[in-house]
Amino acid sequence: VGALFGIVLALPIGVVTALAIKLNSRGPIFYTQERVGKNGEPFTIIKFRSMYTDAEKDGPQWAVAGDNRITRVGKFIRATRIDELPQFINVLRGEMNFVGPRAERAHFVEQLCEVIPYYNQRHLVEPGLTGWAQVNYGYGSTVDDAIQKFQYDLYYIKNASLLFDLWIMLKSVKVVLLGRGQ
């Protein structure tokens, strides 16, 4: 029910975003990609496209500050996290939750499991639209960033509660309103 309400609230923003994406660059409005969910199960995540369509012609890579693969509209929708709004559909499907660790790509999960002990622990819960790591650390582009974010994920998993989820959602609103995403 909450996800359906989120979709209805996000619809006007989504329409404007879709038009901006189409006017700014060629290609689809939405971007879909396989991610790792709860218990390591794969699912297809849905986002507004923020990069050029050939962004990964050289293979998977983390986005970095000043990344020239990100469109002009993409910079704005990433900073405000508007690119994440279509994930309400993933919540409706039961693939994600409102709060939880960020859903990562299998390619990166495999790499990070090799260098970060217990990294798979973050897959004990459903991935979230937002999470403790996302509101405290933002996007990351290195293994060191992933280690820092993993500490936040573990803290969340060990201390998950309705009150903590509400606190994270409130902090998420602040990130969106202040455009503090990266």
N, C-alpha and C. Protein backbone atom coordinates (compact mmCIF):
# COMPACT_ATOMS: atom_id res chain seq x y z
N VAL A 1 0.83 -1.19 0.00
CA VAL A 1 0.00 0.00 0.00
C VAL A 1 0.88 1.25 0.00
N GLY A 2 1.94 1.24 0.81
CA GLY A 2 2.85 2.38 0.88
C GLY A 2 3.53 2.64 -0.45
N ALA A 3 3.91 1.56 -1.15
CA ALA A 3 4.57 1.71 -2.45
C ALA A 3 3.61 2.28 -3.48
N LEU A 4 2.35 1.85 -3.43
CA LEU A 4 1.35 2.38 -4.36
C LEU A 4 1.13 3.87 -4.12
N PHE A 5 1.08 4.26 -2.84
CA PHE A 5 0.96 5.66 -2.47
C PHE A 5 2.17 6.45 -2.97
N GLY A 6 3.35 5.86 -2.85
CA GLY A 6 4.58 6.50 -3.33
C GLY A 6 4.55 6.71 -4.83
N ILE A 7 4.03 5.72 -5.56
CA ILE A 7 3.93 5.84 -7.02
C ILE A 7 3.00 6.98 -7.40
N VAL A 8 1.86 7.08 -6.72
CA VAL A 8 0.90 8.14 -7.00
C VAL A 8 1.52 9.51 -6.72
N LEU A 9 2.22 9.64 -5.58
CA LEU A 9 2.87 10.91 -5.25
C LEU A 9 3.98 11.26 -6.24
N ALA A 10 4.70 10.25 -6.69
CA ALA A 10 5.84 10.48 -7.58
C ALA A 10 5.45 10.68 -9.04
N LEU A 11 4.21 10.39 -9.38
CA LEU A 11 3.78 10.44 -10.78
C LEU A 11 4.04 11.79 -11.46
N PRO A 12 3.65 12.93 -10.86
CA PRO A 12 3.92 14.21 -11.53
C PRO A 12 5.42 14.45 -11.75
N ILE A 13 6.23 14.12 -10.75
CA ILE A 13 7.68 14.27 -10.88
C ILE A 13 8.19 13.33 -11.96
N GLY A 14 7.63 12.13 -12.00
CA GLY A 14 8.04 11.14 -12.99
C GLY A 14 7.76 11.59 -14.42
N VAL A 15 6.61 12.21 -14.64
CA VAL A 15 6.25 12.67 -15.98
C VAL A 15 7.23 13.75 -16.44
N VAL A 16 7.51 14.71 -15.57
CA VAL A 16 8.46 15.78 -15.90
C VAL A 16 9.85 15.20 -16.15
N THR A 17 10.25 14.26 -15.30
CA THR A 17 11.56 13.62 -15.45
C THR A 17 11.65 12.87 -16.78
N ALA A 18 10.61 12.14 -17.12
CA ALA A 18 10.60 11.38 -18.37
C ALA A 18 10.76 12.31 -19.58
N LEU A 19 10.04 13.43 -19.56
CA LEU A 19 10.16 14.40 -20.65
C LEU A 19 11.57 14.98 -20.72
N ALA A 20 12.13 15.31 -19.57
CA ALA A 20 13.48 15.88 -19.53
C ALA A 20 14.51 14.89 -20.06
N ILE A 21 14.38 13.63 -19.70
CA ILE A 21 15.31 12.60 -20.18
C ILE A 21 15.23 12.49 -21.69
N LYS A 22 14.01 12.45 -22.22
CA LYS A 22 13.81 12.31 -23.67
C LYS A 22 14.37 13.52 -24.43
N LEU A 23 14.18 14.72 -23.87
CA LEU A 23 14.67 15.93 -24.53
C LEU A 23 16.19 16.06 -24.44
N ASN A 24 16.78 15.50 -23.40
CA ASN A 24 18.22 15.66 -23.15
C ASN A 24 19.09 14.67 -23.90
N SER A 25 18.62 13.45 -24.08
CA SER A 25 19.47 12.44 -24.72
C SER A 25 18.63 11.34 -25.36
N ARG A 26 19.22 10.69 -26.35
CA ARG A 26 18.52 9.61 -27.04
C ARG A 26 18.53 8.36 -26.16
N GLY A 27 17.49 7.56 -26.33
CA GLY A 27 17.44 6.30 -25.61
C GLY A 27 16.19 6.20 -24.75
N PRO A 28 16.07 5.09 -24.05
CA PRO A 28 14.88 4.85 -23.23
C PRO A 28 14.82 5.77 -22.00
N ILE A 29 13.64 5.92 -21.46
CA ILE A 29 13.44 6.71 -20.24
C ILE A 29 13.92 5.91 -19.03
N PHE A 30 13.61 4.63 -19.04
CA PHE A 30 13.95 3.78 -17.90
C PHE A 30 15.20 2.97 -18.17
N TYR A 31 15.85 2.63 -17.09
CA TYR A 31 17.06 1.81 -17.11
C TYR A 31 16.78 0.61 -16.23
N THR A 32 16.95 -0.57 -16.75
CA THR A 32 16.75 -1.77 -15.94
C THR A 32 18.06 -2.54 -15.89
N GLN A 33 18.25 -3.20 -14.77
CA GLN A 33 19.50 -3.93 -14.58
C GLN A 33 19.29 -5.01 -13.53
N GLU A 34 19.99 -6.12 -13.69
CA GLU A 34 19.90 -7.18 -12.69
C GLU A 34 20.72 -6.78 -11.46
N ARG A 35 20.10 -6.94 -10.29
CA ARG A 35 20.76 -6.65 -9.01
C ARG A 35 20.60 -7.85 -8.10
N VAL A 36 21.36 -7.86 -7.02
CA VAL A 36 21.32 -8.94 -6.03
C VAL A 36 20.39 -8.51 -4.91
N GLY A 37 19.40 -9.36 -4.61
CA GLY A 37 18.42 -9.06 -3.57
C GLY A 37 18.62 -9.91 -2.33
N LYS A 38 17.56 -10.04 -1.57
CA LYS A 38 17.59 -10.81 -0.33
C LYS A 38 18.00 -12.26 -0.63
N ASN A 39 18.83 -12.79 0.23
CA ASN A 39 19.35 -14.16 0.10
C ASN A 39 20.10 -14.39 -1.22
N GLY A 40 20.61 -13.31 -1.80
CA GLY A 40 21.38 -13.43 -3.04
C GLY A 40 20.55 -13.65 -4.29
N GLU A 41 19.22 -13.54 -4.16
CA GLU A 41 18.34 -13.75 -5.32
C GLU A 41 18.43 -12.56 -6.28
N PRO A 42 18.59 -12.83 -7.57
CA PRO A 42 18.63 -11.73 -8.54
C PRO A 42 17.24 -11.17 -8.81
N PHE A 43 17.19 -9.88 -9.11
CA PHE A 43 15.94 -9.25 -9.54
C PHE A 43 16.30 -8.09 -10.46
N THR A 44 15.32 -7.60 -11.19
CA THR A 44 15.55 -6.50 -12.13
C THR A 44 15.12 -5.19 -11.50
N ILE A 45 16.08 -4.31 -11.30
CA ILE A 45 15.80 -3.00 -10.70
C ILE A 45 15.39 -2.03 -11.82
N ILE A 46 14.51 -1.09 -11.47
CA ILE A 46 14.03 -0.10 -12.44
C ILE A 46 14.42 1.28 -11.93
N LYS A 47 15.04 2.07 -12.81
CA LYS A 47 15.44 3.44 -12.47
C LYS A 47 15.18 4.34 -13.67
N PHE A 48 15.14 5.64 -13.42
CA PHE A 48 15.17 6.57 -14.55
C PHE A 48 16.59 6.57 -15.09
N ARG A 49 16.73 6.56 -16.40
CA ARG A 49 18.06 6.54 -17.01
C ARG A 49 18.77 7.87 -16.76
N SER A 50 19.97 7.80 -16.21
CA SER A 50 20.75 9.00 -15.92
C SER A 50 22.06 9.06 -16.71
N MET A 51 22.35 8.01 -17.45
CA MET A 51 23.58 7.96 -18.24
C MET A 51 23.24 7.81 -19.72
N TYR A 52 24.24 8.09 -20.54
CA TYR A 52 24.09 7.84 -21.97
C TYR A 52 23.95 6.34 -22.20
N THR A 53 23.30 5.95 -23.27
CA THR A 53 22.99 4.54 -23.50
C THR A 53 24.23 3.67 -23.70
N ASP A 54 25.34 4.25 -24.11
CA ASP A 54 26.57 3.47 -24.31
C ASP A 54 27.53 3.57 -23.12
N ALA A 55 27.00 3.93 -21.97
CA ALA A 55 27.83 4.21 -20.79
C ALA A 55 28.68 3.02 -20.35
N GLU A 56 28.22 1.82 -20.61
CA GLU A 56 28.98 0.66 -20.13
C GLU A 56 29.49 -0.21 -21.27
N LYS A 57 29.80 0.43 -22.37
CA LYS A 57 30.32 -0.32 -23.52
C LYS A 57 31.64 -1.01 -23.19
N ASP A 58 32.37 -0.49 -22.20
CA ASP A 58 33.65 -1.09 -21.78
C ASP A 58 33.49 -1.98 -20.55
N GLY A 59 32.25 -2.30 -20.18
CA GLY A 59 32.00 -3.17 -19.04
C GLY A 59 31.53 -2.40 -17.82
N PRO A 60 31.13 -3.13 -16.76
CA PRO A 60 30.63 -2.49 -15.55
C PRO A 60 31.70 -1.65 -14.86
N GLN A 61 31.30 -0.48 -14.40
CA GLN A 61 32.19 0.37 -13.63
C GLN A 61 31.38 1.27 -12.72
N TRP A 62 31.98 1.62 -11.59
CA TRP A 62 31.32 2.53 -10.67
C TRP A 62 31.31 3.94 -11.25
N ALA A 63 30.23 4.66 -10.98
CA ALA A 63 30.18 6.06 -11.37
C ALA A 63 31.08 6.84 -10.41
N VAL A 64 31.76 7.85 -10.94
CA VAL A 64 32.65 8.67 -10.12
C VAL A 64 32.26 10.14 -10.28
N ALA A 65 32.75 10.99 -9.39
CA ALA A 65 32.49 12.42 -9.48
C ALA A 65 32.97 12.94 -10.83
N GLY A 66 32.15 13.74 -11.49
CA GLY A 66 32.50 14.30 -12.79
C GLY A 66 32.45 13.29 -13.92
N ASP A 67 31.77 12.18 -13.72
CA ASP A 67 31.68 11.09 -14.70
C ASP A 67 31.01 11.61 -15.98
N ASN A 68 31.74 11.53 -17.10
CA ASN A 68 31.18 12.06 -18.36
C ASN A 68 30.15 11.13 -19.00
N ARG A 69 29.87 10.00 -18.38
CA ARG A 69 28.82 9.11 -18.89
C ARG A 69 27.44 9.57 -18.42
N ILE A 70 27.41 10.46 -17.44
CA ILE A 70 26.14 10.94 -16.87
C ILE A 70 25.65 12.14 -17.67
N THR A 71 24.38 12.10 -18.05
CA THR A 71 23.78 13.19 -18.83
C THR A 71 23.57 14.42 -17.94
N ARG A 72 23.26 15.54 -18.57
CA ARG A 72 22.99 16.77 -17.82
C ARG A 72 21.78 16.57 -16.90
N VAL A 73 20.71 15.99 -17.44
CA VAL A 73 19.53 15.69 -16.63
C VAL A 73 19.89 14.65 -15.57
N GLY A 74 20.72 13.69 -15.96
CA GLY A 74 21.16 12.65 -15.04
C GLY A 74 21.83 13.20 -13.80
N LYS A 75 22.64 14.24 -13.95
CA LYS A 75 23.31 14.85 -12.79
C LYS A 75 22.27 15.36 -11.79
N PHE A 76 21.24 16.01 -12.31
CA PHE A 76 20.20 16.55 -11.43
C PHE A 76 19.40 15.43 -10.76
N ILE A 77 18.96 14.45 -11.54
CA ILE A 77 18.11 13.41 -10.95
C ILE A 77 18.88 12.51 -10.00
N ARG A 78 20.19 12.41 -10.17
CA ARG A 78 21.01 11.67 -9.20
C ARG A 78 21.18 12.48 -7.92
N ALA A 79 21.46 13.77 -8.06
CA ALA A 79 21.66 14.63 -6.88
C ALA A 79 20.42 14.67 -6.01
N THR A 80 19.25 14.64 -6.64
CA THR A 80 17.99 14.70 -5.90
C THR A 80 17.40 13.31 -5.65
N ARG A 81 18.07 12.29 -6.15
CA ARG A 81 17.65 10.89 -6.04
C ARG A 81 16.35 10.58 -6.78
N ILE A 82 15.94 11.46 -7.66
CA ILE A 82 14.73 11.23 -8.46
C ILE A 82 14.89 9.99 -9.32
N ASP A 83 16.13 9.67 -9.71
CA ASP A 83 16.36 8.48 -10.54
C ASP A 83 15.91 7.20 -9.86
N GLU A 84 15.77 7.23 -8.54
CA GLU A 84 15.38 6.05 -7.76
C GLU A 84 13.86 5.84 -7.69
N LEU A 85 13.07 6.84 -8.05
CA LEU A 85 11.61 6.76 -7.88
C LEU A 85 10.96 5.53 -8.52
N PRO A 86 11.36 5.10 -9.71
CA PRO A 86 10.72 3.91 -10.29
C PRO A 86 10.89 2.64 -9.44
N GLN A 87 11.78 2.67 -8.47
CA GLN A 87 11.97 1.51 -7.62
C GLN A 87 10.77 1.25 -6.71
N PHE A 88 9.83 2.18 -6.64
CA PHE A 88 8.58 1.89 -5.93
C PHE A 88 7.92 0.66 -6.56
N ILE A 89 8.12 0.47 -7.86
CA ILE A 89 7.58 -0.71 -8.53
C ILE A 89 8.25 -1.97 -7.98
N ASN A 90 9.56 -1.91 -7.74
CA ASN A 90 10.26 -3.04 -7.13
C ASN A 90 9.74 -3.34 -5.74
N VAL A 91 9.37 -2.29 -5.00
CA VAL A 91 8.80 -2.49 -3.67
C VAL A 91 7.44 -3.17 -3.80
N LEU A 92 6.61 -2.70 -4.74
CA LEU A 92 5.30 -3.32 -4.98
C LEU A 92 5.43 -4.79 -5.33
N ARG A 93 6.45 -5.13 -6.08
CA ARG A 93 6.68 -6.53 -6.49
C ARG A 93 7.24 -7.39 -5.36
N GLY A 94 7.62 -6.76 -4.25
CA GLY A 94 8.19 -7.52 -3.13
C GLY A 94 9.67 -7.82 -3.28
N GLU A 95 10.34 -7.15 -4.22
CA GLU A 95 11.77 -7.37 -4.46
C GLU A 95 12.64 -6.46 -3.60
N MET A 96 12.04 -5.36 -3.16
CA MET A 96 12.76 -4.39 -2.34
C MET A 96 11.86 -3.93 -1.21
N ASN A 97 12.47 -3.25 -0.26
CA ASN A 97 11.76 -2.65 0.86
C ASN A 97 12.01 -1.14 0.78
N PHE A 98 11.32 -0.38 1.61
CA PHE A 98 11.59 1.05 1.64
C PHE A 98 12.98 1.32 2.19
N VAL A 99 13.38 0.56 3.21
CA VAL A 99 14.67 0.77 3.86
C VAL A 99 15.46 -0.53 3.85
N GLY A 100 16.73 -0.44 3.53
CA GLY A 100 17.62 -1.60 3.52
C GLY A 100 18.91 -1.24 2.81
N PRO A 101 19.85 -2.15 2.75
CA PRO A 101 21.09 -1.88 2.02
C PRO A 101 20.81 -1.65 0.53
N ARG A 102 21.67 -0.90 -0.11
CA ARG A 102 21.53 -0.63 -1.54
C ARG A 102 21.66 -1.93 -2.33
N ALA A 103 20.81 -2.10 -3.33
CA ALA A 103 20.89 -3.28 -4.21
C ALA A 103 22.08 -3.09 -5.15
N GLU A 104 23.02 -4.02 -5.09
CA GLU A 104 24.22 -3.92 -5.93
C GLU A 104 24.16 -4.90 -7.09
N ARG A 105 24.99 -4.68 -8.07
CA ARG A 105 25.11 -5.56 -9.22
C ARG A 105 25.92 -6.79 -8.83
N ALA A 106 25.58 -7.93 -9.42
CA ALA A 106 26.27 -9.18 -9.12
C ALA A 106 27.77 -9.06 -9.36
N HIS A 107 28.16 -8.36 -10.40
CA HIS A 107 29.58 -8.17 -10.73
C HIS A 107 30.33 -7.55 -9.55
N PHE A 108 29.74 -6.50 -8.96
CA PHE A 108 30.39 -5.83 -7.83
C PHE A 108 30.29 -6.66 -6.55
N VAL A 109 29.15 -7.34 -6.36
CA VAL A 109 29.00 -8.19 -5.17
C VAL A 109 30.08 -9.26 -5.16
N GLU A 110 30.32 -9.89 -6.30
CA GLU A 110 31.37 -10.93 -6.38
C GLU A 110 32.73 -10.35 -6.02
N GLN A 111 33.05 -9.18 -6.56
CA GLN A 111 34.34 -8.54 -6.27
C GLN A 111 34.45 -8.19 -4.78
N LEU A 112 33.39 -7.62 -4.23
CA LEU A 112 33.43 -7.15 -2.85
C LEU A 112 33.44 -8.30 -1.86
N CYS A 113 32.79 -9.42 -2.20
CA CYS A 113 32.82 -10.60 -1.32
C CYS A 113 34.24 -11.15 -1.18
N GLU A 114 35.05 -10.95 -2.20
CA GLU A 114 36.44 -11.43 -2.16
C GLU A 114 37.33 -10.60 -1.24
N VAL A 115 36.99 -9.33 -1.06
CA VAL A 115 37.87 -8.44 -0.28
C VAL A 115 37.27 -7.94 1.03
N ILE A 116 35.97 -8.11 1.21
CA ILE A 116 35.31 -7.65 2.44
C ILE A 116 34.71 -8.86 3.14
N PRO A 117 35.30 -9.26 4.27
CA PRO A 117 34.75 -10.41 5.01
C PRO A 117 33.28 -10.17 5.38
N TYR A 118 32.48 -11.21 5.25
CA TYR A 118 31.06 -11.20 5.63
C TYR A 118 30.20 -10.25 4.78
N TYR A 119 30.69 -9.84 3.63
CA TYR A 119 29.93 -8.91 2.79
C TYR A 119 28.54 -9.45 2.46
N ASN A 120 28.41 -10.77 2.33
CA ASN A 120 27.10 -11.36 2.01
C ASN A 120 26.08 -11.17 3.12
N GLN A 121 26.50 -10.77 4.31
CA GLN A 121 25.56 -10.52 5.41
C GLN A 121 24.52 -9.46 5.03
N ARG A 122 24.90 -8.56 4.16
CA ARG A 122 23.97 -7.49 3.77
C ARG A 122 22.80 -8.03 2.95
N HIS A 123 22.90 -9.28 2.50
CA HIS A 123 21.81 -9.89 1.74
C HIS A 123 20.86 -10.70 2.61
N LEU A 124 20.99 -10.54 3.93
CA LEU A 124 20.05 -11.20 4.85
C LEU A 124 18.71 -10.47 4.88
N VAL A 125 18.70 -9.23 4.40
CA VAL A 125 17.48 -8.42 4.37
C VAL A 125 17.24 -7.95 2.93
N GLU A 126 16.01 -7.50 2.67
CA GLU A 126 15.71 -6.97 1.35
C GLU A 126 16.47 -5.67 1.13
N PRO A 127 16.91 -5.44 -0.10
CA PRO A 127 17.52 -4.14 -0.38
C PRO A 127 16.46 -3.06 -0.28
N GLY A 128 16.90 -1.82 -0.09
CA GLY A 128 15.95 -0.73 0.10
C GLY A 128 16.09 0.41 -0.88
N LEU A 129 14.99 1.17 -0.98
CA LEU A 129 15.01 2.42 -1.74
C LEU A 129 16.01 3.38 -1.12
N THR A 130 16.09 3.32 0.19
CA THR A 130 17.04 4.13 0.94
C THR A 130 17.59 3.26 2.05
N GLY A 131 18.61 3.74 2.71
CA GLY A 131 19.20 2.95 3.78
C GLY A 131 20.14 3.79 4.62
N TRP A 132 20.60 3.20 5.71
CA TRP A 132 21.48 3.89 6.63
C TRP A 132 22.78 4.31 5.93
N ALA A 133 23.31 3.45 5.08
CA ALA A 133 24.53 3.79 4.33
C ALA A 133 24.26 4.92 3.34
N GLN A 134 23.11 4.86 2.66
CA GLN A 134 22.81 5.86 1.64
C GLN A 134 22.66 7.26 2.23
N VAL A 135 22.02 7.37 3.39
CA VAL A 135 21.81 8.71 3.96
C VAL A 135 23.05 9.24 4.67
N ASN A 136 23.96 8.36 5.02
CA ASN A 136 25.17 8.80 5.71
C ASN A 136 26.40 8.88 4.83
N TYR A 137 26.40 8.16 3.73
CA TYR A 137 27.61 8.09 2.92
C TYR A 137 27.40 8.46 1.45
N GLY A 138 26.24 8.27 0.93
CA GLY A 138 26.00 8.58 -0.47
C GLY A 138 26.57 7.50 -1.38
N TYR A 139 26.80 7.87 -2.63
CA TYR A 139 27.35 6.93 -3.60
C TYR A 139 28.83 6.71 -3.31
N GLY A 140 29.34 5.57 -3.70
CA GLY A 140 30.76 5.30 -3.55
C GLY A 140 31.32 4.75 -4.85
N SER A 141 32.63 4.88 -5.02
CA SER A 141 33.23 4.42 -6.27
C SER A 141 34.52 3.62 -6.07
N THR A 142 34.80 3.25 -4.82
CA THR A 142 36.01 2.48 -4.55
C THR A 142 35.70 1.36 -3.55
N VAL A 143 36.62 0.44 -3.41
CA VAL A 143 36.47 -0.62 -2.42
C VAL A 143 36.45 -0.01 -1.02
N ASP A 144 37.27 1.01 -0.78
CA ASP A 144 37.27 1.68 0.53
C ASP A 144 35.89 2.28 0.83
N ASP A 145 35.26 2.88 -0.18
CA ASP A 145 33.89 3.39 0.00
C ASP A 145 32.95 2.25 0.34
N ALA A 146 33.08 1.13 -0.35
CA ALA A 146 32.22 -0.03 -0.11
C ALA A 146 32.40 -0.56 1.31
N ILE A 147 33.62 -0.55 1.82
CA ILE A 147 33.87 -0.99 3.20
C ILE A 147 33.16 -0.06 4.18
N GLN A 148 33.27 1.24 3.96
CA GLN A 148 32.60 2.20 4.84
C GLN A 148 31.08 2.01 4.81
N LYS A 149 30.53 1.87 3.61
CA LYS A 149 29.09 1.69 3.47
C LYS A 149 28.64 0.37 4.10
N PHE A 150 29.48 -0.66 3.99
CA PHE A 150 29.16 -1.96 4.57
C PHE A 150 29.03 -1.85 6.09
N GLN A 151 29.84 -1.01 6.72
CA GLN A 151 29.74 -0.81 8.17
C GLN A 151 28.35 -0.26 8.52
N TYR A 152 27.87 0.69 7.72
CA TYR A 152 26.52 1.24 7.94
C TYR A 152 25.46 0.16 7.71
N ASP A 153 25.64 -0.65 6.67
CA ASP A 153 24.69 -1.73 6.39
C ASP A 153 24.61 -2.71 7.55
N LEU A 154 25.76 -3.11 8.08
CA LEU A 154 25.78 -4.04 9.22
C LEU A 154 25.09 -3.43 10.43
N TYR A 155 25.35 -2.15 10.67
CA TYR A 155 24.71 -1.48 11.80
C TYR A 155 23.19 -1.51 11.63
N TYR A 156 22.74 -1.23 10.40
CA TYR A 156 21.30 -1.26 10.14
C TYR A 156 20.73 -2.65 10.38
N ILE A 157 21.36 -3.67 9.84
CA ILE A 157 20.86 -5.04 9.97
C ILE A 157 20.76 -5.45 11.44
N LYS A 158 21.76 -5.08 12.23
CA LYS A 158 21.77 -5.44 13.65
C LYS A 158 20.78 -4.64 14.48
N ASN A 159 20.40 -3.46 14.01
CA ASN A 159 19.55 -2.56 14.80
C ASN A 159 18.23 -2.22 14.12
N ALA A 160 17.84 -2.99 13.12
CA ALA A 160 16.62 -2.69 12.36
C ALA A 160 15.39 -2.65 13.27
N SER A 161 14.58 -1.62 13.08
CA SER A 161 13.32 -1.48 13.81
C SER A 161 12.45 -0.49 13.05
N LEU A 162 11.18 -0.45 13.37
CA LEU A 162 10.28 0.49 12.72
C LEU A 162 10.73 1.93 12.99
N LEU A 163 11.12 2.22 14.22
CA LEU A 163 11.56 3.57 14.57
C LEU A 163 12.82 3.96 13.78
N PHE A 164 13.76 3.03 13.68
CA PHE A 164 14.99 3.29 12.93
C PHE A 164 14.66 3.51 11.45
N ASP A 165 13.75 2.70 10.89
CA ASP A 165 13.33 2.88 9.50
C ASP A 165 12.72 4.26 9.28
N LEU A 166 11.88 4.70 10.21
CA LEU A 166 11.26 6.02 10.10
C LEU A 166 12.32 7.12 10.14
N TRP A 167 13.31 6.97 11.01
CA TRP A 167 14.40 7.94 11.12
C TRP A 167 15.17 8.01 9.79
N ILE A 168 15.46 6.86 9.21
CA ILE A 168 16.18 6.81 7.93
C ILE A 168 15.36 7.46 6.83
N MET A 169 14.04 7.21 6.82
CA MET A 169 13.19 7.83 5.80
C MET A 169 13.16 9.35 5.95
N LEU A 170 13.14 9.83 7.19
CA LEU A 170 13.18 11.29 7.41
C LEU A 170 14.50 11.87 6.93
N LYS A 171 15.60 11.19 7.23
CA LYS A 171 16.91 11.66 6.75
C LYS A 171 16.97 11.63 5.23
N SER A 172 16.28 10.67 4.62
CA SER A 172 16.25 10.56 3.16
C SER A 172 15.55 11.75 2.54
N VAL A 173 14.46 12.19 3.16
CA VAL A 173 13.74 13.37 2.67
C VAL A 173 14.68 14.58 2.68
N LYS A 174 15.47 14.70 3.73
CA LYS A 174 16.43 15.80 3.82
C LYS A 174 17.46 15.72 2.69
N VAL A 175 17.96 14.53 2.41
CA VAL A 175 18.93 14.33 1.32
C VAL A 175 18.32 14.77 -0.01
N VAL A 176 17.07 14.37 -0.25
CA VAL A 176 16.39 14.70 -1.50
C VAL A 176 16.14 16.20 -1.60
N LEU A 177 15.59 16.80 -0.54
CA LEU A 177 15.25 18.22 -0.57
C LEU A 177 16.48 19.11 -0.70
N LEU A 178 17.58 18.70 -0.10
CA LEU A 178 18.80 19.50 -0.17
C LEU A 178 19.67 19.13 -1.37
N GLY A 179 19.24 18.12 -2.13
CA GLY A 179 20.02 17.69 -3.29
C GLY A 179 21.39 17.20 -2.90
N ARG A 180 21.46 16.48 -1.77
CA ARG A 180 22.75 16.06 -1.24
C ARG A 180 23.25 14.74 -1.80
N GLY A 181 22.50 14.14 -2.73
CA GLY A 181 22.97 12.91 -3.35
C GLY A 181 24.15 13.22 -4.26
N GLN A 182 24.88 12.20 -4.65
CA GLN A 182 26.06 12.42 -5.51
C GLN A 182 25.85 11.77 -6.86
